[in-house]
Amino acid sequence: MSTCPACGVAVIPGYVKCPKCGGALPFRSKAIFSAGGTAVEESTRSRSLAFAVGAALVVAIVVVVIATRSRGVPRATTATPAVTTSAGAAGAEVPPPSPPVAASPDIDVPSVAAPDPRAAAAAFDQQLKRLRLWGTAAADGPQLLVRSGACEDPAMGALLQQQTVALRAAGLTKLRCLTQSGGVVFERDL
């Protein structure tokens, strides 16, 4: 509570004029109204304390984020070449490496399968959607059928140049670009 300098009446902080005499009251920095409706002056000490706590909290959060990121990233390790000597550390002989085993005709050796044309067409379809060329791609034997309204778009040409090697490796040899209604825009070899 403060008092009016003119008449001496007790006045709640926050009033500009005295309610009794109407005289000007001395200006105070700020008043904060509490839940009960009374005005309480805010101290600069509480503001600086709040600022310090907030700054400390921000620094703690940054430290935690950096610490958790560095744990999740695998570190590259450099392999040190092993030194092979005729005698081990305890003087034992190190056996020589065994010779490579040749495959006999009786043993089934799994062959490396070529990429699936359907998987390559699905990957091309995903690229169409990512570039927003609004089309679909499907494998039909050795042919890739692309249905899009953007067959003549320069982005489609760039995508075809980028994906030609992968499509050829999957066994696709021809590309046919169709409009959505089925009309052929172009057909070419991959």
Protein backbone atom coordinates (compact mmCIF):
# COMPACT_ATOMS: atom_id res chain seq x y z
CA MET A 1 0.00 0.00 0.00
CA SER A 2 1.09 3.51 -0.68
CA THR A 3 -0.25 6.80 0.60
CA CYS A 4 -1.42 9.89 -1.25
CA PRO A 5 1.14 12.70 -0.83
CA ALA A 6 -1.62 15.33 -0.83
CA CYS A 7 -4.18 13.96 1.64
CA GLY A 8 -2.43 10.93 3.23
CA VAL A 9 -5.13 8.35 2.34
CA ALA A 10 -3.92 4.77 1.84
CA VAL A 11 -4.10 3.93 -1.87
CA ILE A 12 -3.67 0.56 -3.59
CA PRO A 13 -0.66 0.55 -5.94
CA GLY A 14 -1.67 0.97 -9.54
CA TYR A 15 -3.94 4.02 -9.14
CA VAL A 16 -2.90 7.11 -11.11
CA LYS A 17 -5.01 9.57 -9.07
CA CYS A 18 -6.04 9.54 -5.43
CA PRO A 19 -9.65 8.29 -5.10
CA LYS A 20 -10.38 10.86 -2.34
CA CYS A 21 -8.73 14.13 -3.40
CA GLY A 22 -7.94 13.41 -7.07
CA GLY A 23 -4.29 14.36 -6.64
CA ALA A 24 -1.62 12.74 -8.81
CA LEU A 25 0.08 9.77 -7.22
CA PRO A 26 3.78 9.02 -7.71
CA PHE A 27 4.40 6.67 -10.67
CA ARG A 28 5.52 3.12 -9.91
CA SER A 29 7.18 0.91 -12.52
CA LYS A 30 4.61 -1.89 -12.92
CA ALA A 31 1.84 -3.48 -11.00
CA ILE A 32 0.86 -7.11 -11.31
CA PHE A 33 -2.68 -8.02 -10.37
CA SER A 34 -2.93 -11.16 -8.29
CA ALA A 35 -5.77 -13.66 -8.52
CA GLY A 36 -7.64 -11.98 -5.64
CA GLY A 37 -7.88 -8.68 -7.49
CA THR A 38 -5.25 -6.77 -5.54
CA ALA A 39 -2.34 -5.08 -7.22
CA VAL A 40 1.18 -6.07 -6.21
CA GLU A 41 4.31 -4.37 -7.49
CA GLU A 42 6.66 -6.58 -9.44
CA SER A 43 10.24 -6.45 -8.33
CA THR A 44 13.18 -6.41 -10.68
CA ARG A 45 14.77 -9.11 -8.57
CA SER A 46 12.06 -11.64 -9.46
CA ARG A 47 12.36 -10.76 -13.18
CA SER A 48 16.11 -11.29 -13.19
CA LEU A 49 15.72 -14.54 -11.28
CA ALA A 50 13.15 -15.76 -13.80
CA PHE A 51 15.47 -14.80 -16.66
CA ALA A 52 18.40 -16.67 -15.09
CA VAL A 53 16.32 -19.80 -14.53
CA GLY A 54 15.02 -19.66 -18.10
CA ALA A 55 18.52 -19.24 -19.53
CA ALA A 56 19.81 -22.15 -17.46
CA LEU A 57 16.93 -24.31 -18.68
CA VAL A 58 17.67 -23.48 -22.34
CA VAL A 59 21.37 -24.32 -21.88
CA ALA A 60 20.46 -27.63 -20.22
CA ILE A 61 18.15 -28.59 -23.08
CA VAL A 62 20.82 -27.79 -25.68
CA VAL A 63 23.37 -29.90 -23.80
CA VAL A 64 20.96 -32.85 -23.59
CA VAL A 65 20.12 -32.65 -27.31
CA ILE A 66 23.79 -32.55 -28.30
CA ALA A 67 24.65 -35.42 -25.97
CA THR A 68 21.89 -37.66 -27.30
CA ARG A 69 22.75 -36.91 -30.93
CA SER A 70 26.38 -37.80 -30.53
CA ARG A 71 25.45 -41.17 -28.98
CA GLY A 72 23.17 -42.14 -31.85
CA VAL A 73 25.76 -41.58 -34.59
CA PRO A 74 28.06 -44.54 -35.11
CA ARG A 75 31.67 -43.56 -35.15
CA ALA A 76 33.89 -44.68 -37.97
CA THR A 77 36.58 -46.98 -36.78
CA THR A 78 39.81 -47.47 -38.57
CA ALA A 79 40.94 -51.01 -38.80
CA THR A 80 44.54 -51.55 -37.84
CA PRO A 81 46.19 -54.10 -40.06
CA ALA A 82 47.14 -57.25 -38.26
CA VAL A 83 50.82 -58.03 -38.38
CA THR A 84 51.43 -61.66 -39.18
CA THR A 85 54.68 -63.13 -38.03
CA SER A 86 56.03 -66.62 -38.12
CA ALA A 87 55.94 -66.70 -34.34
CA GLY A 88 53.03 -65.50 -32.22
CA ALA A 89 53.28 -63.42 -29.08
CA ALA A 90 53.99 -66.48 -26.95
CA GLY A 91 56.29 -68.05 -29.53
CA ALA A 92 53.63 -70.31 -31.09
CA GLU A 93 53.57 -70.90 -34.82
CA VAL A 94 50.83 -69.12 -36.79
CA PRO A 95 49.34 -71.49 -39.37
CA PRO A 96 49.47 -70.33 -42.99
CA PRO A 97 46.17 -69.28 -44.59
CA SER A 98 44.17 -72.09 -46.17
CA PRO A 99 43.98 -72.18 -49.98
CA PRO A 100 40.70 -71.14 -51.62
CA VAL A 101 38.24 -73.96 -52.22
CA ALA A 102 37.14 -74.45 -55.83
CA ALA A 103 33.45 -75.11 -56.42
CA SER A 104 32.69 -78.58 -57.63
CA PRO A 105 29.88 -79.27 -60.11
CA ASP A 106 27.98 -81.23 -57.43
CA ILE A 107 27.55 -78.18 -55.17
CA ASP A 108 24.73 -75.70 -55.88
CA VAL A 109 26.12 -72.19 -55.79
CA PRO A 110 23.39 -69.57 -55.51
CA SER A 111 23.48 -67.24 -58.47
CA VAL A 112 23.01 -63.53 -58.12
CA ALA A 113 19.52 -62.76 -59.33
CA ALA A 114 18.89 -59.80 -61.59
CA PRO A 115 16.73 -57.03 -60.14
CA ASP A 116 13.00 -57.57 -60.52
CA PRO A 117 11.42 -55.46 -63.30
CA ARG A 118 8.34 -54.93 -61.10
CA ALA A 119 10.52 -53.54 -58.30
CA ALA A 120 12.29 -51.20 -60.74
CA ALA A 121 8.89 -50.06 -62.08
CA ALA A 122 7.68 -49.47 -58.51
CA ALA A 123 10.80 -47.40 -57.76
CA PHE A 124 10.21 -45.38 -60.95
CA ASP A 125 6.57 -44.92 -59.89
CA GLN A 126 7.72 -43.52 -56.52
CA GLN A 127 10.04 -41.09 -58.32
CA LEU A 128 7.11 -39.91 -60.48
CA LYS A 129 5.10 -39.18 -57.36
CA ARG A 130 8.03 -37.50 -55.60
CA LEU A 131 8.57 -35.17 -58.57
CA ARG A 132 4.80 -34.58 -58.80
CA LEU A 133 4.57 -35.78 -62.38
CA TRP A 134 1.26 -37.41 -61.45
CA GLY A 135 1.67 -40.67 -63.25
CA THR A 136 1.94 -44.39 -62.72
CA ALA A 137 4.56 -46.86 -63.90
CA ALA A 138 4.17 -50.60 -64.36
CA ALA A 139 6.28 -53.35 -65.90
CA ASP A 140 4.71 -55.30 -68.75
CA GLY A 141 7.27 -57.96 -69.61
CA PRO A 142 10.41 -56.17 -70.88
CA GLN A 143 8.47 -52.93 -71.32
CA LEU A 144 7.88 -50.09 -68.84
CA LEU A 145 4.47 -48.48 -69.26
CA VAL A 146 4.21 -44.96 -67.88
CA ARG A 147 0.79 -43.26 -67.75
CA SER A 148 1.14 -39.57 -67.11
CA GLY A 149 -0.17 -36.26 -68.32
CA ALA A 150 3.41 -34.97 -68.09
CA CYS A 151 5.12 -37.22 -70.66
CA GLU A 152 6.52 -34.19 -72.49
CA ASP A 153 7.56 -32.40 -69.29
CA PRO A 154 11.33 -31.67 -69.05
CA ALA A 155 11.34 -33.20 -65.56
CA MET A 156 10.15 -36.49 -67.08
CA GLY A 157 13.07 -36.44 -69.53
CA ALA A 158 15.53 -35.78 -66.71
CA LEU A 159 14.03 -38.61 -64.63
CA LEU A 160 14.31 -41.01 -67.58
CA GLN A 161 17.98 -40.12 -68.10
CA GLN A 162 18.65 -40.62 -64.41
CA GLN A 163 16.86 -43.99 -64.16
CA THR A 164 17.81 -45.56 -67.54
CA VAL A 165 20.71 -47.62 -66.17
CA ALA A 166 18.66 -49.02 -63.28
CA LEU A 167 15.76 -49.87 -65.59
CA ARG A 168 18.07 -51.64 -68.07
CA ALA A 169 19.68 -53.59 -65.22
CA ALA A 170 16.22 -54.81 -64.20
CA GLY A 171 15.65 -56.24 -67.68
CA LEU A 172 13.40 -53.50 -69.03
CA THR A 173 14.28 -52.69 -72.65
CA LYS A 174 11.49 -50.39 -73.88
CA LEU A 175 9.63 -47.43 -72.45
CA ARG A 176 6.18 -46.39 -73.56
CA CYS A 177 4.76 -43.14 -72.20
CA LEU A 178 0.96 -42.90 -72.44
CA THR A 179 -1.56 -40.20 -71.66
CA GLN A 180 -4.08 -40.94 -68.93
CA SER A 181 -6.63 -41.86 -71.61
CA GLY A 182 -4.22 -44.39 -73.20
CA GLY A 183 -2.87 -42.46 -76.19
CA VAL A 184 0.83 -43.07 -76.93
CA VAL A 185 2.94 -39.92 -76.52
CA PHE A 186 6.28 -41.58 -77.25
CA GLU A 187 7.98 -44.96 -77.27
CA ARG A 188 11.72 -45.53 -77.05
CA ASP A 189 14.39 -48.09 -76.25
CA LEU A 190 16.11 -47.92 -72.89
